[in-house]
């Protein structure tokens, strides 16, 4: 019925739809990819939050530095 469907490296021929669905739902290979995706998403959120906070603090530092240099330059 479903000839021409790949499963891993072996070529699957004439498997029934029930067999294909059961092997699809029992296969755990996608779970690892999903877990890695969730970890990368969490790390991305932490990095974005940290860099946003650091950006605000760096803006304050450079604003203070600019004010100090303008004061020194006008003296």
C-alpha atoms as a PDB file:
ATOM      1  CA  UNK A   1       0.000   0.000   0.000  1.00  0.00           C
ATOM      2  CA  UNK A   2       2.536   2.643   1.090  1.00  0.00           C
ATOM      3  CA  UNK A   3       5.490   1.522  -0.944  1.00  0.00           C
ATOM      4  CA  UNK A   4       8.248   4.075  -1.313  1.00  0.00           C
ATOM      5  CA  UNK A   5       8.245   5.369   2.263  1.00  0.00           C
ATOM      6  CA  UNK A   6      11.614   5.706   3.956  1.00  0.00           C
ATOM      7  CA  UNK A   7      12.187   4.714   7.550  1.00  0.00           C
ATOM      8  CA  UNK A   8      15.706   5.443   8.733  1.00  0.00           C
ATOM      9  CA  UNK A   9      18.081   3.878   6.250  1.00  0.00           C
ATOM     10  CA  UNK A  10      15.940   0.898   5.336  1.00  0.00           C
ATOM     11  CA  UNK A  11      13.349   1.108   2.605  1.00  0.00           C
ATOM     12  CA  UNK A  12       9.877   0.147   3.807  1.00  0.00           C
ATOM     13  CA  UNK A  13       7.572  -1.572   1.334  1.00  0.00           C
ATOM     14  CA  UNK A  14       3.960  -2.613   1.610  1.00  0.00           C
ATOM     15  CA  UNK A  15       3.370  -1.662   5.262  1.00  0.00           C
ATOM     16  CA  UNK A  16      -0.183  -1.043   6.342  1.00  0.00           C
ATOM     17  CA  UNK A  17      -1.309   2.367   7.528  1.00  0.00           C
ATOM     18  CA  UNK A  18      -1.750   1.022  11.071  1.00  0.00           C
ATOM     19  CA  UNK A  19       1.845  -0.256  11.097  1.00  0.00           C
ATOM     20  CA  UNK A  20       3.147   3.090   9.817  1.00  0.00           C
ATOM     21  CA  UNK A  21       1.170   5.067  12.382  1.00  0.00           C
ATOM     22  CA  UNK A  22       2.192   2.839  15.271  1.00  0.00           C
ATOM     23  CA  UNK A  23       5.867   3.053  14.306  1.00  0.00           C
ATOM     24  CA  UNK A  24       5.501   6.844  13.977  1.00  0.00           C
ATOM     25  CA  UNK A  25       3.977   7.279  17.431  1.00  0.00           C
ATOM     26  CA  UNK A  26       6.350   4.822  19.108  1.00  0.00           C
ATOM     27  CA  UNK A  27       9.463   6.439  17.609  1.00  0.00           C
ATOM     28  CA  UNK A  28      11.271   8.622  20.169  1.00  0.00           C
ATOM     29  CA  UNK A  29      13.815  10.242  17.839  1.00  0.00           C
ATOM     30  CA  UNK A  30      11.804  13.467  17.520  1.00  0.00           C
ATOM     31  CA  UNK A  31      11.581  13.871  21.288  1.00  0.00           C
ATOM     32  CA  UNK A  32      15.309  14.530  21.528  1.00  0.00           C
ATOM     33  CA  UNK A  33      15.136  17.202  18.833  1.00  0.00           C
ATOM     34  CA  UNK A  34      12.185  18.790  20.611  1.00  0.00           C
ATOM     35  CA  UNK A  35      14.061  18.839  23.915  1.00  0.00           C
ATOM     36  CA  UNK A  36      17.067  20.474  22.282  1.00  0.00           C
ATOM     37  CA  UNK A  37      14.764  23.037  20.696  1.00  0.00           C
ATOM     38  CA  UNK A  38      13.216  23.870  24.062  1.00  0.00           C
ATOM     39  CA  UNK A  39      16.655  24.217  25.674  1.00  0.00           C
ATOM     40  CA  UNK A  40      17.841  26.539  22.887  1.00  0.00           C
ATOM     41  CA  UNK A  41      14.642  28.584  23.207  1.00  0.00           C
ATOM     42  CA  UNK A  42      15.115  28.964  26.962  1.00  0.00           C
ATOM     43  CA  UNK A  43      18.771  29.957  26.563  1.00  0.00           C
ATOM     44  CA  UNK A  44      17.749  32.503  23.919  1.00  0.00           C
ATOM     45  CA  UNK A  45      15.202  34.071  26.257  1.00  0.00           C
ATOM     46  CA  UNK A  46      17.773  34.321  29.052  1.00  0.00           C
ATOM     47  CA  UNK A  47      20.327  35.890  26.700  1.00  0.00           C
ATOM     48  CA  UNK A  48      17.837  38.411  25.333  1.00  0.00           C
ATOM     49  CA  UNK A  49      16.793  39.410  28.845  1.00  0.00           C
ATOM     50  CA  UNK A  50      20.382  39.718  30.029  1.00  0.00           C
ATOM     51  CA  UNK A  51      21.539  41.692  27.012  1.00  0.00           C
ATOM     52  CA  UNK A  52      18.564  44.042  27.285  1.00  0.00           C
ATOM     53  CA  UNK A  53      19.393  44.765  30.917  1.00  0.00           C
ATOM     54  CA  UNK A  54      23.070  45.207  30.118  1.00  0.00           C
ATOM     55  CA  UNK A  55      22.178  47.503  27.217  1.00  0.00           C
ATOM     56  CA  UNK A  56      20.262  49.835  29.522  1.00  0.00           C
ATOM     57  CA  UNK A  57      23.144  49.873  32.000  1.00  0.00           C
ATOM     58  CA  UNK A  58      25.709  50.498  29.225  1.00  0.00           C
ATOM     59  CA  UNK A  59      23.629  53.400  27.934  1.00  0.00           C
ATOM     60  CA  UNK A  60      23.730  54.935  31.410  1.00  0.00           C
ATOM     61  CA  UNK A  61      27.519  54.458  31.618  1.00  0.00           C
ATOM     62  CA  UNK A  62      28.154  56.039  28.218  1.00  0.00           C
ATOM     63  CA  UNK A  63      25.768  58.910  28.960  1.00  0.00           C
ATOM     64  CA  UNK A  64      27.671  59.613  32.168  1.00  0.00           C
ATOM     65  CA  UNK A  65      30.991  59.350  30.337  1.00  0.00           C
ATOM     66  CA  UNK A  66      29.793  61.732  27.623  1.00  0.00           C
ATOM     67  CA  UNK A  67      28.666  64.258  30.221  1.00  0.00           C
ATOM     68  CA  UNK A  68      32.012  64.035  31.998  1.00  0.00           C
ATOM     69  CA  UNK A  69      33.964  64.495  28.778  1.00  0.00           C
ATOM     70  CA  UNK A  70      31.825  67.486  27.767  1.00  0.00           C
ATOM     71  CA  UNK A  71      32.434  69.042  31.169  1.00  0.00           C
ATOM     72  CA  UNK A  72      36.194  68.516  30.830  1.00  0.00           C
ATOM     73  CA  UNK A  73      36.217  69.808  27.231  1.00  0.00           C
ATOM     74  CA  UNK A  74      34.339  72.995  28.122  1.00  0.00           C
ATOM     75  CA  UNK A  75      36.726  73.803  31.022  1.00  0.00           C
END
